[in-house]
Amino acid sequence: MAEAATGSGEIAVNITGVATAASTSSHVLGQIGGSVSELAQMAADLRGRVDAFTF
Protein backbone atom coordinates (compact mmCIF):
# COMPACT_ATOMS: atom_id res chain seq x y z
CA MET A 1 0.00 0.00 0.00
CA ALA A 2 2.81 2.41 0.84
CA GLU A 3 4.37 1.85 -2.59
CA ALA A 4 1.07 2.58 -4.32
CA ALA A 5 0.69 5.80 -2.34
CA THR A 6 4.23 6.83 -3.21
CA GLY A 7 3.60 6.05 -6.88
CA SER A 8 0.40 8.08 -6.85
CA GLY A 9 2.25 11.00 -5.28
CA GLU A 10 4.94 10.84 -7.97
CA ILE A 11 2.29 10.78 -10.69
CA ALA A 12 0.64 13.85 -9.18
CA VAL A 13 3.99 15.66 -9.10
CA ASN A 14 4.61 14.74 -12.74
CA ILE A 15 1.15 15.93 -13.79
CA THR A 16 1.76 19.22 -11.99
CA GLY A 17 5.09 19.57 -13.77
CA VAL A 18 3.47 18.98 -17.16
CA ALA A 19 0.73 21.50 -16.40
CA THR A 20 3.31 24.10 -15.35
CA ALA A 21 5.33 23.51 -18.52
CA ALA A 22 2.20 23.85 -20.66
CA SER A 23 1.26 27.10 -18.95
CA THR A 24 4.75 28.51 -19.43
CA SER A 25 4.75 27.47 -23.09
CA SER A 26 1.39 29.14 -23.59
CA HIS A 27 2.68 32.37 -22.05
CA VAL A 28 5.80 32.34 -24.24
CA LEU A 29 3.73 31.71 -27.36
CA GLY A 30 1.56 34.69 -26.46
CA GLN A 31 4.65 36.88 -26.21
CA ILE A 32 5.95 35.59 -29.54
CA GLY A 33 2.60 36.34 -31.16
CA GLY A 34 2.77 39.90 -29.89
CA SER A 35 6.30 40.30 -31.22
CA VAL A 36 5.29 38.94 -34.62
CA SER A 37 2.40 41.41 -34.81
CA GLU A 38 4.69 44.27 -33.88
CA LEU A 39 7.24 43.21 -36.50
CA ALA A 40 4.51 42.97 -39.15
CA GLN A 41 3.41 46.53 -38.33
CA MET A 42 6.99 47.77 -38.55
CA ALA A 43 7.40 46.06 -41.92
CA ALA A 44 4.22 47.69 -43.20
CA ASP A 45 5.42 51.10 -42.00
CA LEU A 46 8.79 50.59 -43.68
CA ARG A 47 7.11 49.47 -46.91
CA GLY A 48 5.06 52.68 -46.90
CA ARG A 49 8.16 54.81 -46.38
CA VAL A 50 10.04 53.02 -49.17
CA ASP A 51 7.06 53.40 -51.50
CA ALA A 52 7.25 57.17 -50.97
CA PHE A 53 10.58 57.13 -52.85
CA THR A 54 9.27 55.17 -55.84
CA PHE A 55 9.65 56.96 -59.18
PDB file of N, CA and C in Angstrom:
ATOM      1  N   MET A   1       0.816  -1.196   0.000  1.00  0.00           N
ATOM      2  CA  MET A   1       0.000   0.000   0.000  1.00  0.00           C
ATOM      3  C   MET A   1       0.860   1.260   0.000  1.00  0.00           C
ATOM      4  N   ALA A   2       1.950   1.237   0.753  1.00  0.00           N
ATOM      5  CA  ALA A   2       2.809   2.414   0.836  1.00  0.00           C
ATOM      6  C   ALA A   2       3.418   2.708  -0.531  1.00  0.00           C
ATOM      7  N   GLU A   3       3.788   1.651  -1.260  1.00  0.00           N
ATOM      8  CA  GLU A   3       4.373   1.845  -2.590  1.00  0.00           C
ATOM      9  C   GLU A   3       3.352   2.461  -3.554  1.00  0.00           C
ATOM     10  N   ALA A   4       2.116   2.026  -3.461  1.00  0.00           N
ATOM     11  CA  ALA A   4       1.066   2.582  -4.322  1.00  0.00           C
ATOM     12  C   ALA A   4       0.849   4.052  -4.004  1.00  0.00           C
ATOM     13  N   ALA A   5       0.870   4.404  -2.742  1.00  0.00           N
ATOM     14  CA  ALA A   5       0.689   5.798  -2.336  1.00  0.00           C
ATOM     15  C   ALA A   5       1.856   6.641  -2.833  1.00  0.00           C
ATOM     16  N   THR A   6       3.050   6.115  -2.731  1.00  0.00           N
ATOM     17  CA  THR A   6       4.234   6.832  -3.215  1.00  0.00           C
ATOM     18  C   THR A   6       4.148   7.016  -4.727  1.00  0.00           C
ATOM     19  N   GLY A   7       3.746   5.963  -5.425  1.00  0.00           N
ATOM     20  CA  GLY A   7       3.604   6.047  -6.876  1.00  0.00           C
ATOM     21  C   GLY A   7       2.561   7.070  -7.284  1.00  0.00           C
ATOM     22  N   SER A   8       1.454   7.099  -6.565  1.00  0.00           N
ATOM     23  CA  SER A   8       0.400   8.080  -6.853  1.00  0.00           C
ATOM     24  C   SER A   8       0.902   9.498  -6.618  1.00  0.00           C
ATOM     25  N   GLY A   9       1.679   9.674  -5.577  1.00  0.00           N
ATOM     26  CA  GLY A   9       2.253  10.997  -5.283  1.00  0.00           C
ATOM     27  C   GLY A   9       3.204  11.440  -6.383  1.00  0.00           C
ATOM     28  N   GLU A  10       4.004  10.513  -6.880  1.00  0.00           N
ATOM     29  CA  GLU A  10       4.943  10.842  -7.968  1.00  0.00           C
ATOM     30  C   GLU A  10       4.190  11.187  -9.249  1.00  0.00           C
ATOM     31  N   ILE A  11       3.110  10.475  -9.511  1.00  0.00           N
ATOM     32  CA  ILE A  11       2.286  10.777 -10.692  1.00  0.00           C
ATOM     33  C   ILE A  11       1.699  12.172 -10.566  1.00  0.00           C
ATOM     34  N   ALA A  12       1.213  12.522  -9.398  1.00  0.00           N
ATOM     35  CA  ALA A  12       0.638  13.852  -9.177  1.00  0.00           C
ATOM     36  C   ALA A  12       1.689  14.937  -9.396  1.00  0.00           C
ATOM     37  N   VAL A  13       2.901  14.699  -8.912  1.00  0.00           N
ATOM     38  CA  VAL A  13       3.993  15.664  -9.104  1.00  0.00           C
ATOM     39  C   VAL A  13       4.298  15.811 -10.586  1.00  0.00           C
ATOM     40  N   ASN A  14       4.334  14.693 -11.307  1.00  0.00           N
ATOM     41  CA  ASN A  14       4.612  14.741 -12.744  1.00  0.00           C
ATOM     42  C   ASN A  14       3.522  15.484 -13.507  1.00  0.00           C
ATOM     43  N   ILE A  15       2.269  15.242 -13.139  1.00  0.00           N
ATOM     44  CA  ILE A  15       1.153  15.930 -13.789  1.00  0.00           C
ATOM     45  C   ILE A  15       1.250  17.433 -13.529  1.00  0.00           C
ATOM     46  N   THR A  16       1.589  17.803 -12.320  1.00  0.00           N
ATOM     47  CA  THR A  16       1.755  19.220 -11.985  1.00  0.00           C
ATOM     48  C   THR A  16       2.883  19.829 -12.809  1.00  0.00           C
ATOM     49  N   GLY A  17       3.975  19.095 -12.965  1.00  0.00           N
ATOM     50  CA  GLY A  17       5.095  19.572 -13.774  1.00  0.00           C
ATOM     51  C   GLY A  17       4.703  19.775 -15.225  1.00  0.00           C
ATOM     52  N   VAL A  18       3.937  18.858 -15.771  1.00  0.00           N
ATOM     53  CA  VAL A  18       3.472  18.979 -17.160  1.00  0.00           C
ATOM     54  C   VAL A  18       2.535  20.178 -17.292  1.00  0.00           C
ATOM     55  N   ALA A  19       1.655  20.366 -16.350  1.00  0.00           N
ATOM     56  CA  ALA A  19       0.729  21.499 -16.399  1.00  0.00           C
ATOM     57  C   ALA A  19       1.492  22.824 -16.315  1.00  0.00           C
ATOM     58  N   THR A  20       2.491  22.887 -15.470  1.00  0.00           N
ATOM     59  CA  THR A  20       3.310  24.096 -15.351  1.00  0.00           C
ATOM     60  C   THR A  20       4.048  24.381 -16.649  1.00  0.00           C
ATOM     61  N   ALA A  21       4.624  23.347 -17.250  1.00  0.00           N
ATOM     62  CA  ALA A  21       5.335  23.514 -18.517  1.00  0.00           C
ATOM     63  C   ALA A  21       4.382  23.985 -19.616  1.00  0.00           C
ATOM     64  N   ALA A  22       3.190  23.445 -19.653  1.00  0.00           N
ATOM     65  CA  ALA A  22       2.204  23.846 -20.662  1.00  0.00           C
ATOM     66  C   ALA A  22       1.805  25.307 -20.468  1.00  0.00           C
ATOM     67  N   SER A  23       1.628  25.708 -19.242  1.00  0.00           N
ATOM     68  CA  SER A  23       1.264  27.097 -18.948  1.00  0.00           C
ATOM     69  C   SER A  23       2.378  28.048 -19.368  1.00  0.00           C
ATOM     70  N   THR A  24       3.604  27.685 -19.055  1.00  0.00           N
ATOM     71  CA  THR A  24       4.754  28.506 -19.433  1.00  0.00           C
ATOM     72  C   THR A  24       4.864  28.599 -20.947  1.00  0.00           C
ATOM     73  N   SER A  25       4.686  27.482 -21.631  1.00  0.00           N
ATOM     74  CA  SER A  25       4.750  27.474 -23.095  1.00  0.00           C
ATOM     75  C   SER A  25       3.671  28.370 -23.686  1.00  0.00           C
ATOM     76  N   SER A  26       2.496  28.316 -23.117  1.00  0.00           N
ATOM     77  CA  SER A  26       1.390  29.144 -23.594  1.00  0.00           C
ATOM     78  C   SER A  26       1.722  30.623 -23.437  1.00  0.00           C
ATOM     79  N   HIS A  27       2.299  30.978 -22.315  1.00  0.00           N
ATOM     80  CA  HIS A  27       2.678  32.373 -22.053  1.00  0.00           C
ATOM     81  C   HIS A  27       3.735  32.835 -23.059  1.00  0.00           C
ATOM     82  N   VAL A  28       4.738  32.004 -23.293  1.00  0.00           N
ATOM     83  CA  VAL A  28       5.803  32.344 -24.240  1.00  0.00           C
ATOM     84  C   VAL A  28       5.234  32.498 -25.650  1.00  0.00           C
ATOM     85  N   LEU A  29       4.341  31.610 -26.041  1.00  0.00           N
ATOM     86  CA  LEU A  29       3.727  31.711 -27.364  1.00  0.00           C
ATOM     87  C   LEU A  29       2.927  33.001 -27.510  1.00  0.00           C
ATOM     88  N   GLY A  30       2.282  33.418 -26.443  1.00  0.00           N
ATOM     89  CA  GLY A  30       1.561  34.693 -26.465  1.00  0.00           C
ATOM     90  C   GLY A  30       2.506  35.859 -26.685  1.00  0.00           C
ATOM     91  N   GLN A  31       3.654  35.827 -26.028  1.00  0.00           N
ATOM     92  CA  GLN A  31       4.651  36.880 -26.206  1.00  0.00           C
ATOM     93  C   GLN A  31       5.198  36.873 -27.629  1.00  0.00           C
ATOM     94  N   ILE A  32       5.448  35.702 -28.172  1.00  0.00           N
ATOM     95  CA  ILE A  32       5.951  35.591 -29.540  1.00  0.00           C
ATOM     96  C   ILE A  32       4.921  36.152 -30.519  1.00  0.00           C
ATOM     97  N   GLY A  33       3.658  35.819 -30.299  1.00  0.00           N
ATOM     98  CA  GLY A  33       2.598  36.336 -31.161  1.00  0.00           C
ATOM     99  C   GLY A  33       2.564  37.854 -31.150  1.00  0.00           C
ATOM    100  N   GLY A  34       2.726  38.447 -29.989  1.00  0.00           N
ATOM    101  CA  GLY A  34       2.765  39.902 -29.886  1.00  0.00           C
ATOM    102  C   GLY A  34       3.948  40.486 -30.634  1.00  0.00           C
ATOM    103  N   SER A  35       5.095  39.836 -30.517  1.00  0.00           N
ATOM    104  CA  SER A  35       6.296  40.301 -31.217  1.00  0.00           C
ATOM    105  C   SER A  35       6.132  40.194 -32.730  1.00  0.00           C
ATOM    106  N   VAL A  36       5.515  39.118 -33.183  1.00  0.00           N
ATOM    107  CA  VAL A  36       5.288  38.938 -34.619  1.00  0.00           C
ATOM    108  C   VAL A  36       4.357  40.032 -35.143  1.00  0.00           C
ATOM    109  N   SER A  37       3.324  40.348 -34.400  1.00  0.00           N
ATOM    110  CA  SER A  37       2.397  41.409 -34.810  1.00  0.00           C
ATOM    111  C   SER A  37       3.106  42.754 -34.881  1.00  0.00           C
ATOM    112  N   GLU A  38       3.938  43.008 -33.891  1.00  0.00           N
ATOM    113  CA  GLU A  38       4.686  44.272 -33.877  1.00  0.00           C
ATOM    114  C   GLU A  38       5.650  44.344 -35.065  1.00  0.00           C
ATOM    115  N   LEU A  39       6.317  43.257 -35.362  1.00  0.00           N
ATOM    116  CA  LEU A  39       7.235  43.211 -36.497  1.00  0.00           C
ATOM    117  C   LEU A  39       6.490  43.401 -37.812  1.00  0.00           C
ATOM    118  N   ALA A  40       5.318  42.807 -37.942  1.00  0.00           N
ATOM    119  CA  ALA A  40       4.513  42.974 -39.151  1.00  0.00           C
ATOM    120  C   ALA A  40       4.114  44.435 -39.333  1.00  0.00           C
ATOM    121  N   GLN A  41       3.767  45.110 -38.250  1.00  0.00           N
ATOM    122  CA  GLN A  41       3.413  46.532 -38.326  1.00  0.00           C
ATOM    123  C   GLN A  41       4.618  47.365 -38.733  1.00  0.00           C
ATOM    124  N   MET A  42       5.771  47.046 -38.183  1.00  0.00           N
ATOM    125  CA  MET A  42       6.994  47.771 -38.546  1.00  0.00           C
ATOM    126  C   MET A  42       7.322  47.563 -40.024  1.00  0.00           C
ATOM    127  N   ALA A  43       7.143  46.350 -40.519  1.00  0.00           N
ATOM    128  CA  ALA A  43       7.403  46.056 -41.924  1.00  0.00           C
ATOM    129  C   ALA A  43       6.446  46.850 -42.821  1.00  0.00           C
ATOM    130  N   ALA A  44       5.186  46.929 -42.426  1.00  0.00           N
ATOM    131  CA  ALA A  44       4.216  47.689 -43.203  1.00  0.00           C
ATOM    132  C   ALA A  44       4.581  49.174 -43.214  1.00  0.00           C
ATOM    133  N   ASP A  45       5.002  49.695 -42.068  1.00  0.00           N
ATOM    134  CA  ASP A  45       5.423  51.099 -42.003  1.00  0.00           C
ATOM    135  C   ASP A  45       6.634  51.349 -42.899  1.00  0.00           C
ATOM    136  N   LEU A  46       7.595  50.452 -42.852  1.00  0.00           N
ATOM    137  CA  LEU A  46       8.788  50.588 -43.680  1.00  0.00           C
ATOM    138  C   LEU A  46       8.433  50.519 -45.158  1.00  0.00           C
ATOM    139  N   ARG A  47       7.541  49.596 -45.515  1.00  0.00           N
ATOM    140  CA  ARG A  47       7.107  49.473 -46.906  1.00  0.00           C
ATOM    141  C   ARG A  47       6.483  50.785 -47.383  1.00  0.00           C
ATOM    142  N   GLY A  48       5.674  51.408 -46.552  1.00  0.00           N
ATOM    143  CA  GLY A  48       5.060  52.683 -46.899  1.00  0.00           C
ATOM    144  C   GLY A  48       6.093  53.781 -47.094  1.00  0.00           C
ATOM    145  N   ARG A  49       7.115  53.795 -46.248  1.00  0.00           N
ATOM    146  CA  ARG A  49       8.163  54.812 -46.376  1.00  0.00           C
ATOM    147  C   ARG A  49       8.991  54.600 -47.637  1.00  0.00           C
ATOM    148  N   VAL A  50       9.274  53.335 -47.951  1.00  0.00           N
ATOM    149  CA  VAL A  50      10.037  53.021 -49.166  1.00  0.00           C
ATOM    150  C   VAL A  50       9.217  53.370 -50.394  1.00  0.00           C
ATOM    151  N   ASP A  51       7.939  53.080 -50.366  1.00  0.00           N
ATOM    152  CA  ASP A  51       7.062  53.401 -51.505  1.00  0.00           C
ATOM    153  C   ASP A  51       7.021  54.900 -51.784  1.00  0.00           C
ATOM    154  N   ALA A  52       7.245  55.716 -50.775  1.00  0.00           N
ATOM    155  CA  ALA A  52       7.253  57.165 -50.968  1.00  0.00           C
ATOM    156  C   ALA A  52       8.391  57.597 -51.883  1.00  0.00           C
ATOM    157  N   PHE A  53       9.432  56.789 -52.012  1.00  0.00           N
ATOM    158  CA  PHE A  53      10.577  57.130 -52.847  1.00  0.00           C
ATOM    159  C   PHE A  53      10.516  56.478 -54.228  1.00  0.00           C
ATOM    160  N   THR A  54       9.419  55.835 -54.546  1.00  0.00           N
ATOM    161  CA  THR A  54       9.275  55.171 -55.842  1.00  0.00           C
ATOM    162  C   THR A  54       9.081  56.231 -56.926  1.00  0.00           C
ATOM    163  N   PHE A  55       9.724  55.998 -58.057  1.00  0.00           N
ATOM    164  CA  PHE A  55       9.648  56.962 -59.182  1.00  0.00           C
ATOM    165  C   PHE A  55       8.331  56.874 -59.874  1.00  0.00           C
TER     166      PHE A  55
END
